[in-house]
Amino acid sequence: SLHRPLPASPGLSFALTGPPRRYSSTSGPHGTDLVLSDAQRRTIYALSTPPGKAGVAVVRVSGPDALRVWRAMVKTRGEGKGKARERDLEPWKMHRCSVVHPESGEALDDGLAVFFKGAWCARSAEANVCSVVSAPLVGPKSFTTEDVLELHVHSGRAIISSVLNAISFLPFCRPAEHGEFTRRAFEGGRLDLTQVEGLRDLIDAETETQRKLALRSAEVSIPNVYVSESQGAQGSSLGGN
């Protein structure tokens, strides 16, 4: 498995994610709530750095609703007179922000956020629709080839738990499966199978020789990932496991 969003211990997993929740999406004909299945929730999230006490932890969100997560949980701040003011989202750039709970608005941590725009196509100014003929798809511009949000917060157990639990309140998101970010990169054409294996070996490398061999296998993909995701996003987490 290339991606281990949560530790293997069931007790620790529960502590980081909280108890299972049921989500209401729409109301049925008799007033009952319809619950979205995992297959319907295409936007995934996970802790992308090892759990534990450290300076920084990265929580990654990938999928069609990543921008909705930004709008629900990221409150950016810019320079201004008096109170800090919100700034507009700029993809591929780090934003100083407060990470807040999507329902209560409670501040969970003070950190950084960066949004990577996935494959996109130019939109017609008149019809506001993609013009595949005149403006073919451009991208991908993220590791998974989808819209990606990364929350860079302090790596304390309580902070990580609160951020992951807050995302679970969003009915269109679900926890990522092991290796799912890399699988989406493969399915989206970002990596071929050899590069996926090279990336796995690079992450698992423990000696200098292993590192050099693994980097040689992944050398085609790694620069592409860094170029596309690091434009204006210094310090972002670029690994795709």
C-alpha atoms as a PDB file:
ATOM      1  CA  SER A   1       0.000   0.000   0.000  1.00  0.00           C
ATOM      2  CA  LEU A   2       1.428   3.355  -1.041  1.00  0.00           C
ATOM      3  CA  HIS A   3      -0.793   5.479   1.090  1.00  0.00           C
ATOM      4  CA  ARG A   4      -1.377   4.895   4.743  1.00  0.00           C
ATOM      5  CA  PRO A   5      -3.735   7.663   5.815  1.00  0.00           C
ATOM      6  CA  LEU A   6      -4.329   6.138   9.223  1.00  0.00           C
ATOM      7  CA  PRO A   7      -2.332   3.813  11.469  1.00  0.00           C
ATOM      8  CA  ALA A   8      -3.111   0.124  11.540  1.00  0.00           C
ATOM      9  CA  SER A   9      -4.187   0.155  15.171  1.00  0.00           C
ATOM     10  CA  PRO A  10      -8.004   0.206  15.371  1.00  0.00           C
ATOM     11  CA  GLY A  11      -7.851   2.197  18.585  1.00  0.00           C
ATOM     12  CA  LEU A  12      -5.676   4.913  17.088  1.00  0.00           C
ATOM     13  CA  SER A  13      -7.736   5.009  13.896  1.00  0.00           C
ATOM     14  CA  PHE A  14     -10.859   5.593  15.959  1.00  0.00           C
ATOM     15  CA  ALA A  15      -9.141   8.320  17.940  1.00  0.00           C
ATOM     16  CA  LEU A  16      -8.066  10.149  14.780  1.00  0.00           C
ATOM     17  CA  THR A  17     -11.289   9.891  12.851  1.00  0.00           C
ATOM     18  CA  GLY A  18     -13.992   9.710  15.511  1.00  0.00           C
ATOM     19  CA  PRO A  19     -17.019   7.401  15.462  1.00  0.00           C
ATOM     20  CA  PRO A  20     -18.731   6.541  12.166  1.00  0.00           C
ATOM     21  CA  ARG A  21     -21.250   9.133  11.084  1.00  0.00           C
ATOM     22  CA  ARG A  22     -24.322   9.027   8.850  1.00  0.00           C
ATOM     23  CA  TYR A  23     -24.846  11.851   6.420  1.00  0.00           C
ATOM     24  CA  SER A  24     -28.038  13.375   5.090  1.00  0.00           C
ATOM     25  CA  SER A  25     -27.913  14.448   1.454  1.00  0.00           C
ATOM     26  CA  THR A  26     -31.477  14.845   0.240  1.00  0.00           C
ATOM     27  CA  SER A  27     -34.899  14.051   1.582  1.00  0.00           C
ATOM     28  CA  GLY A  28     -36.834  11.152   0.145  1.00  0.00           C
ATOM     29  CA  PRO A  29     -40.499  11.237  -0.913  1.00  0.00           C
ATOM     30  CA  HIS A  30     -41.664  10.302   2.590  1.00  0.00           C
ATOM     31  CA  GLY A  31     -39.439  12.711   4.439  1.00  0.00           C
ATOM     32  CA  THR A  32     -36.685  10.151   5.073  1.00  0.00           C
ATOM     33  CA  ASP A  33     -33.058  11.107   4.586  1.00  0.00           C
ATOM     34  CA  LEU A  34     -31.137   9.480   1.762  1.00  0.00           C
ATOM     35  CA  VAL A  35     -27.560   8.582   2.664  1.00  0.00           C
ATOM     36  CA  LEU A  36     -24.845   8.908   0.044  1.00  0.00           C
ATOM     37  CA  SER A  37     -22.869   5.725  -0.545  1.00  0.00           C
ATOM     38  CA  ASP A  38     -19.074   5.663  -0.647  1.00  0.00           C
ATOM     39  CA  ALA A  39     -19.250   5.237  -4.426  1.00  0.00           C
ATOM     40  CA  GLN A  40     -21.316   8.424  -4.687  1.00  0.00           C
ATOM     41  CA  ARG A  41     -18.901  10.380  -2.488  1.00  0.00           C
ATOM     42  CA  ARG A  42     -16.058  10.841  -4.951  1.00  0.00           C
ATOM     43  CA  THR A  43     -14.149  13.375  -2.834  1.00  0.00           C
ATOM     44  CA  ILE A  44     -11.710  11.648  -0.486  1.00  0.00           C
ATOM     45  CA  TYR A  45      -9.554  12.829   2.404  1.00  0.00           C
ATOM     46  CA  ALA A  46      -6.774  11.461   4.592  1.00  0.00           C
ATOM     47  CA  LEU A  47      -3.811  12.354   6.726  1.00  0.00           C
ATOM     48  CA  SER A  48      -0.870  12.285   4.289  1.00  0.00           C
ATOM     49  CA  THR A  49       1.916  12.546   6.849  1.00  0.00           C
ATOM     50  CA  PRO A  50       2.737  10.105   9.655  1.00  0.00           C
ATOM     51  CA  PRO A  51       0.652  10.623  12.802  1.00  0.00           C
ATOM     52  CA  GLY A  52       2.499  11.891  15.823  1.00  0.00           C
ATOM     53  CA  LYS A  53       3.808  15.067  17.438  1.00  0.00           C
ATOM     54  CA  ALA A  54       5.647  17.258  14.943  1.00  0.00           C
ATOM     55  CA  GLY A  55       5.653  20.750  13.520  1.00  0.00           C
ATOM     56  CA  VAL A  56       3.452  20.105  10.505  1.00  0.00           C
ATOM     57  CA  ALA A  57       0.829  17.606   9.420  1.00  0.00           C
ATOM     58  CA  VAL A  58      -0.740  17.564   5.957  1.00  0.00           C
ATOM     59  CA  VAL A  59      -4.361  16.598   5.416  1.00  0.00           C
ATOM     60  CA  ARG A  60      -5.125  16.021   1.749  1.00  0.00           C
ATOM     61  CA  VAL A  61      -8.520  16.237   0.051  1.00  0.00           C
ATOM     62  CA  SER A  62      -8.958  15.145  -3.574  1.00  0.00           C
ATOM     63  CA  GLY A  63     -12.007  15.031  -5.805  1.00  0.00           C
ATOM     64  CA  PRO A  64     -14.680  17.120  -7.507  1.00  0.00           C
ATOM     65  CA  ASP A  65     -15.809  18.727  -4.241  1.00  0.00           C
ATOM     66  CA  ALA A  66     -12.379  19.786  -2.948  1.00  0.00           C
ATOM     67  CA  LEU A  67     -13.247  23.426  -3.597  1.00  0.00           C
ATOM     68  CA  ARG A  68     -16.404  23.023  -1.478  1.00  0.00           C
ATOM     69  CA  VAL A  69     -14.215  21.797   1.381  1.00  0.00           C
ATOM     70  CA  TRP A  70     -12.064  24.917   1.004  1.00  0.00           C
ATOM     71  CA  ARG A  71     -15.104  27.169   1.162  1.00  0.00           C
ATOM     72  CA  ALA A  72     -16.470  25.333   4.190  1.00  0.00           C
ATOM     73  CA  MET A  73     -13.303  25.048   6.266  1.00  0.00           C
ATOM     74  CA  VAL A  74     -10.681  27.570   5.117  1.00  0.00           C
ATOM     75  CA  LYS A  75     -10.818  31.182   6.238  1.00  0.00           C
ATOM     76  CA  THR A  76      -7.959  33.080   4.632  1.00  0.00           C
ATOM     77  CA  ARG A  77      -6.556  36.333   5.897  1.00  0.00           C
ATOM     78  CA  GLY A  78      -4.731  39.144   4.164  1.00  0.00           C
ATOM     79  CA  GLU A  79      -3.180  42.420   5.062  1.00  0.00           C
ATOM     80  CA  GLY A  80      -5.678  45.168   5.757  1.00  0.00           C
ATOM     81  CA  LYS A  81      -6.659  47.928   8.096  1.00  0.00           C
ATOM     82  CA  GLY A  82      -8.351  46.870  11.288  1.00  0.00           C
ATOM     83  CA  LYS A  83      -9.596  43.289  11.257  1.00  0.00           C
ATOM     84  CA  ALA A  84      -8.043  40.698   8.965  1.00  0.00           C
ATOM     85  CA  ARG A  85      -9.975  40.355   5.743  1.00  0.00           C
ATOM     86  CA  GLU A  86     -10.675  37.293   3.625  1.00  0.00           C
ATOM     87  CA  ARG A  87      -8.774  36.876   0.379  1.00  0.00           C
ATOM     88  CA  ASP A  88      -9.871  35.281  -2.858  1.00  0.00           C
ATOM     89  CA  LEU A  89      -8.630  31.800  -3.622  1.00  0.00           C
ATOM     90  CA  GLU A  90      -5.514  31.610  -5.796  1.00  0.00           C
ATOM     91  CA  PRO A  91      -4.702  28.049  -6.948  1.00  0.00           C
ATOM     92  CA  TRP A  92      -1.149  26.742  -6.453  1.00  0.00           C
ATOM     93  CA  LYS A  93      -0.341  29.352  -3.812  1.00  0.00           C
ATOM     94  CA  MET A  94      -0.051  28.934  -0.067  1.00  0.00           C
ATOM     95  CA  HIS A  95      -2.608  30.869   1.964  1.00  0.00           C
ATOM     96  CA  ARG A  96      -2.266  31.680   5.649  1.00  0.00           C
ATOM     97  CA  CYS A  97      -5.600  30.702   7.137  1.00  0.00           C
ATOM     98  CA  SER A  98      -7.705  29.497  10.000  1.00  0.00           C
ATOM     99  CA  VAL A  99      -9.054  25.976   9.598  1.00  0.00           C
ATOM    100  CA  VAL A 100     -12.600  25.978  10.955  1.00  0.00           C
ATOM    101  CA  HIS A 101     -15.348  23.464  11.628  1.00  0.00           C
ATOM    102  CA  PRO A 102     -17.813  23.475   8.689  1.00  0.00           C
ATOM    103  CA  GLU A 103     -20.889  23.492  10.931  1.00  0.00           C
ATOM    104  CA  SER A 104     -20.016  25.431  14.071  1.00  0.00           C
ATOM    105  CA  GLY A 105     -17.396  27.733  12.560  1.00  0.00           C
ATOM    106  CA  GLU A 106     -15.102  26.992  15.508  1.00  0.00           C
ATOM    107  CA  ALA A 107     -11.428  27.582  14.764  1.00  0.00           C
ATOM    108  CA  LEU A 108      -9.543  24.271  14.829  1.00  0.00           C
ATOM    109  CA  ASP A 109      -6.038  25.494  14.053  1.00  0.00           C
ATOM    110  CA  ASP A 110      -4.022  28.274  12.472  1.00  0.00           C
ATOM    111  CA  GLY A 111      -2.126  26.995   9.460  1.00  0.00           C
ATOM    112  CA  LEU A 112      -1.664  27.052   5.688  1.00  0.00           C
ATOM    113  CA  ALA A 113      -3.834  25.866   2.828  1.00  0.00           C
ATOM    114  CA  VAL A 114      -3.109  25.327  -0.849  1.00  0.00           C
ATOM    115  CA  PHE A 115      -5.515  24.404  -3.639  1.00  0.00           C
ATOM    116  CA  PHE A 116      -4.296  22.512  -6.713  1.00  0.00           C
ATOM    117  CA  LYS A 117      -6.605  22.810  -9.699  1.00  0.00           C
ATOM    118  CA  GLY A 118      -6.994  19.533 -11.565  1.00  0.00           C
ATOM    119  CA  ALA A 119      -7.459  19.092 -15.299  1.00  0.00           C
ATOM    120  CA  TRP A 120      -9.629  21.889 -16.616  1.00  0.00           C
ATOM    121  CA  CYS A 121     -10.832  23.348 -19.857  1.00  0.00           C
ATOM    122  CA  ALA A 122     -11.391  26.950 -20.843  1.00  0.00           C
ATOM    123  CA  ARG A 123     -14.980  28.073 -20.510  1.00  0.00           C
ATOM    124  CA  SER A 124     -16.947  30.014 -23.045  1.00  0.00           C
ATOM    125  CA  ALA A 125     -17.710  33.496 -21.726  1.00  0.00           C
ATOM    126  CA  GLU A 126     -21.170  33.396 -23.283  1.00  0.00           C
ATOM    127  CA  ALA A 127     -22.336  29.892 -22.402  1.00  0.00           C
ATOM    128  CA  ASN A 128     -20.050  29.198 -19.407  1.00  0.00           C
ATOM    129  CA  VAL A 129     -19.474  25.685 -20.708  1.00  0.00           C
ATOM    130  CA  CYS A 130     -16.348  23.791 -21.675  1.00  0.00           C
ATOM    131  CA  SER A 131     -15.461  24.057 -25.337  1.00  0.00           C
ATOM    132  CA  VAL A 132     -13.632  20.825 -26.065  1.00  0.00           C
ATOM    133  CA  VAL A 133     -13.136  21.650 -29.731  1.00  0.00           C
ATOM    134  CA  SER A 134     -11.665  25.129 -29.390  1.00  0.00           C
ATOM    135  CA  ALA A 135     -10.131  24.673 -25.940  1.00  0.00           C
ATOM    136  CA  PRO A 136      -9.189  21.065 -25.145  1.00  0.00           C
ATOM    137  CA  LEU A 137      -8.439  19.857 -21.663  1.00  0.00           C
ATOM    138  CA  VAL A 138      -5.432  21.500 -20.055  1.00  0.00           C
ATOM    139  CA  GLY A 139      -3.601  19.684 -17.325  1.00  0.00           C
ATOM    140  CA  PRO A 140      -3.422  17.741 -15.163  1.00  0.00           C
ATOM    141  CA  LYS A 141      -2.373  20.353 -12.655  1.00  0.00           C
ATOM    142  CA  SER A 142      -2.376  18.184  -9.533  1.00  0.00           C
ATOM    143  CA  PHE A 143      -0.942  14.846  -8.479  1.00  0.00           C
ATOM    144  CA  THR A 144      -4.229  12.957  -8.699  1.00  0.00           C
ATOM    145  CA  THR A 145      -5.324  14.969 -11.807  1.00  0.00           C
ATOM    146  CA  GLU A 146      -8.341  16.065  -9.722  1.00  0.00           C
ATOM    147  CA  ASP A 147      -8.918  19.188  -7.661  1.00  0.00           C
ATOM    148  CA  VAL A 148      -6.786  18.805  -4.518  1.00  0.00           C
ATOM    149  CA  LEU A 149      -6.809  20.719  -1.255  1.00  0.00           C
ATOM    150  CA  GLU A 150      -4.007  20.410   1.267  1.00  0.00           C
ATOM    151  CA  LEU A 151      -4.380  21.657   4.831  1.00  0.00           C
ATOM    152  CA  HIS A 152      -1.043  22.182   6.565  1.00  0.00           C
ATOM    153  CA  VAL A 153      -1.759  22.204  10.286  1.00  0.00           C
ATOM    154  CA  HIS A 154       0.202  21.541  13.463  1.00  0.00           C
ATOM    155  CA  SER A 155       0.866  17.852  13.965  1.00  0.00           C
ATOM    156  CA  GLY A 156      -0.653  17.224  17.348  1.00  0.00           C
ATOM    157  CA  ARG A 157      -2.952  14.300  18.009  1.00  0.00           C
ATOM    158  CA  ALA A 158      -5.891  16.496  19.090  1.00  0.00           C
ATOM    159  CA  ILE A 159      -5.506  18.856  16.103  1.00  0.00           C
ATOM    160  CA  ILE A 160      -5.317  16.054  13.539  1.00  0.00           C
ATOM    161  CA  SER A 161      -8.303  14.357  15.117  1.00  0.00           C
ATOM    162  CA  SER A 162     -10.372  17.546  15.113  1.00  0.00           C
ATOM    163  CA  VAL A 163      -9.590  18.374  11.465  1.00  0.00           C
ATOM    164  CA  LEU A 164     -10.347  14.869  10.168  1.00  0.00           C
ATOM    165  CA  ASN A 165     -13.508  14.700  12.243  1.00  0.00           C
ATOM    166  CA  ALA A 166     -14.609  18.105  10.915  1.00  0.00           C
ATOM    167  CA  ILE A 167     -14.211  16.960   7.311  1.00  0.00           C
ATOM    168  CA  SER A 168     -16.357  13.927   8.119  1.00  0.00           C
ATOM    169  CA  PHE A 169     -19.271  16.325   8.711  1.00  0.00           C
ATOM    170  CA  LEU A 170     -19.292  17.163   4.989  1.00  0.00           C
ATOM    171  CA  PRO A 171     -21.713  14.711   3.331  1.00  0.00           C
ATOM    172  CA  PHE A 172     -19.850  14.611   0.015  1.00  0.00           C
ATOM    173  CA  CYS A 173     -16.515  13.453   1.501  1.00  0.00           C
ATOM    174  CA  ARG A 174     -15.303  10.050   2.673  1.00  0.00           C
ATOM    175  CA  PRO A 175     -11.988   8.736   4.075  1.00  0.00           C
ATOM    176  CA  ALA A 176      -9.530   7.600   1.406  1.00  0.00           C
ATOM    177  CA  GLU A 177      -8.733   3.930   1.000  1.00  0.00           C
ATOM    178  CA  HIS A 178      -5.136   2.779   1.283  1.00  0.00           C
ATOM    179  CA  GLY A 179      -3.243   3.895  -1.822  1.00  0.00           C
ATOM    180  CA  GLU A 180      -6.254   5.671  -3.319  1.00  0.00           C
ATOM    181  CA  PHE A 181      -4.497   8.945  -4.071  1.00  0.00           C
ATOM    182  CA  THR A 182      -1.812   7.118  -6.043  1.00  0.00           C
ATOM    183  CA  ARG A 183      -4.414   4.930  -7.735  1.00  0.00           C
ATOM    184  CA  ARG A 184      -6.236   8.039  -8.938  1.00  0.00           C
ATOM    185  CA  ALA A 185      -2.953   9.444 -10.241  1.00  0.00           C
ATOM    186  CA  PHE A 186      -2.455   6.202 -12.178  1.00  0.00           C
ATOM    187  CA  GLU A 187      -6.020   6.157 -13.498  1.00  0.00           C
ATOM    188  CA  GLY A 188      -5.734   9.813 -14.505  1.00  0.00           C
ATOM    189  CA  GLY A 189      -2.552   9.216 -16.491  1.00  0.00           C
ATOM    190  CA  ARG A 190      -0.234  11.078 -14.130  1.00  0.00           C
ATOM    191  CA  LEU A 191       1.834   7.934 -13.455  1.00  0.00           C
ATOM    192  CA  ASP A 192       2.372   4.683 -15.298  1.00  0.00           C
ATOM    193  CA  LEU A 193       2.742   1.387 -13.459  1.00  0.00           C
ATOM    194  CA  THR A 194       6.554   1.538 -13.419  1.00  0.00           C
ATOM    195  CA  GLN A 195       6.465   5.012 -11.914  1.00  0.00           C
ATOM    196  CA  VAL A 196       3.935   3.915  -9.296  1.00  0.00           C
ATOM    197  CA  GLU A 197       6.251   1.098  -8.240  1.00  0.00           C
ATOM    198  CA  GLY A 198       9.208   3.497  -8.256  1.00  0.00           C
ATOM    199  CA  LEU A 199       7.321   5.924  -6.035  1.00  0.00           C
ATOM    200  CA  ARG A 200       6.509   3.138  -3.597  1.00  0.00           C
ATOM    201  CA  ASP A 201      10.146   2.056  -3.502  1.00  0.00           C
ATOM    202  CA  LEU A 202      11.242   5.664  -3.019  1.00  0.00           C
ATOM    203  CA  ILE A 203       8.974   6.070  -0.007  1.00  0.00           C
ATOM    204  CA  ASP A 204      10.157   2.745   1.446  1.00  0.00           C
ATOM    205  CA  ALA A 205      13.867   3.394   0.765  1.00  0.00           C
ATOM    206  CA  GLU A 206      16.004   3.166   3.901  1.00  0.00           C
ATOM    207  CA  THR A 207      19.504   3.220   2.418  1.00  0.00           C
ATOM    208  CA  GLU A 208      21.281   5.514  -0.025  1.00  0.00           C
ATOM    209  CA  THR A 209      21.491   2.729  -2.613  1.00  0.00           C
ATOM    210  CA  GLN A 210      17.768   2.013  -2.360  1.00  0.00           C
ATOM    211  CA  ARG A 211      17.016   5.715  -2.713  1.00  0.00           C
ATOM    212  CA  LYS A 212      19.105   6.057  -5.879  1.00  0.00           C
ATOM    213  CA  LEU A 213      17.577   2.969  -7.491  1.00  0.00           C
ATOM    214  CA  ALA A 214      14.041   4.013  -6.614  1.00  0.00           C
ATOM    215  CA  LEU A 215      14.568   7.572  -7.830  1.00  0.00           C
ATOM    216  CA  ARG A 216      15.858   6.227 -11.132  1.00  0.00           C
ATOM    217  CA  SER A 217      12.606   4.296 -11.603  1.00  0.00           C
ATOM    218  CA  ALA A 218      10.462   7.277 -10.682  1.00  0.00           C
ATOM    219  CA  GLU A 219      12.614  10.009 -12.245  1.00  0.00           C
ATOM    220  CA  VAL A 220      10.219  10.528 -15.146  1.00  0.00           C
ATOM    221  CA  SER A 221       7.242  11.214 -12.907  1.00  0.00           C
ATOM    222  CA  ILE A 222       8.755  13.022  -9.955  1.00  0.00           C
ATOM    223  CA  PRO A 223       9.895  16.179 -11.811  1.00  0.00           C
ATOM    224  CA  ASN A 224       6.486  16.471 -13.492  1.00  0.00           C
ATOM    225  CA  VAL A 225       4.731  16.309 -10.150  1.00  0.00           C
ATOM    226  CA  TYR A 226       7.026  18.910  -8.647  1.00  0.00           C
ATOM    227  CA  VAL A 227       6.694  21.316 -11.565  1.00  0.00           C
ATOM    228  CA  SER A 228       2.917  21.164 -11.763  1.00  0.00           C
ATOM    229  CA  GLU A 229       2.172  21.248  -8.041  1.00  0.00           C
ATOM    230  CA  SER A 230       4.937  23.538  -6.818  1.00  0.00           C
ATOM    231  CA  GLN A 231       4.159  26.573  -8.959  1.00  0.00           C
ATOM    232  CA  GLY A 232       3.705  29.226  -6.323  1.00  0.00           C
ATOM    233  CA  ALA A 233       3.177  26.638  -3.597  1.00  0.00           C
ATOM    234  CA  GLN A 234       6.484  26.590  -1.803  1.00  0.00           C
ATOM    235  CA  GLY A 235       6.562  24.206   1.104  1.00  0.00           C
ATOM    236  CA  SER A 236       3.576  22.186  -0.032  1.00  0.00           C
ATOM    237  CA  SER A 237       3.454  18.446   0.316  1.00  0.00           C
ATOM    238  CA  LEU A 238       4.131  17.040  -3.148  1.00  0.00           C
ATOM    239  CA  GLY A 239       4.297  13.337  -2.463  1.00  0.00           C
ATOM    240  CA  GLY A 240       1.379  11.446  -3.859  1.00  0.00           C
ATOM    241  CA  ASN A 241       1.176   8.424  -1.648  1.00  0.00           C
END
